[in-house]
Amino acid sequence: MKHYLVIGGTGMLQAAVLDWNQEGHMVTVIARTEKKLRRLAECAAHSERLRTIQADYHQLESFQKKLEDVPPPDIIVSWIHHSGNSAIQALCNTYGNASKRIELFHIKGSSAQDPLQNYVPHYPDTIDYYEVILGFQLTGSTSRWLTNEEIVKGVGKAVKQRHSRYIVGTIEPWNARP
């Protein structure tokens, strides 16, 4: 059994959270909305293995205090928008001194394909850092953003395959994005 810490697990990653819980893993979810966290808990197959914590990563001091109450996980899956880069760094700072290796899957939007817009936190050797970039789908002569189902499947593959950079969908050609 692994311990997953999922930041932003009540939206597009909700199905992944429920899958990991169904598989018997301990899953801790930090999200902004208490109502969505309650709904998530109602859907969990093993509610005793799901911990929900209400916190907003934009409120950095409060977010960090909540992190300190979570034992070091095995795997962190974090969907934090680029406006919350300091929260990603807080994750690395909080768990960087853990006595075990931690895998951090940093979920990012398609703009992360541009090195000038791609934020990578400073992380210690005890954290294995992976980027998961969410792209788009080309359908004939048009394009569209990924569905939640495609995102969940892609994030699941990224966690299993552990490539340093995993792209869900495509990011090329950049001028074809929706």
Foldseek 3Di string as FASTA:
>chain_A
DFEEEEEPCLPLNLVVQQVCQVVPAQYEYEYADPVSVVVSLVSHPCSVRYHYDHDDLVVVVVLLVVVLVDPDTQEYEYADEPVNLVSVLSNQVNNQPPPAAHEYEYEYELVLVDVVSNDDHDHDPSYHYAYEYFAWADDPQAIGGDHSVQVNVQVVVCVVVVDNYGYRHDCPPVVRGD
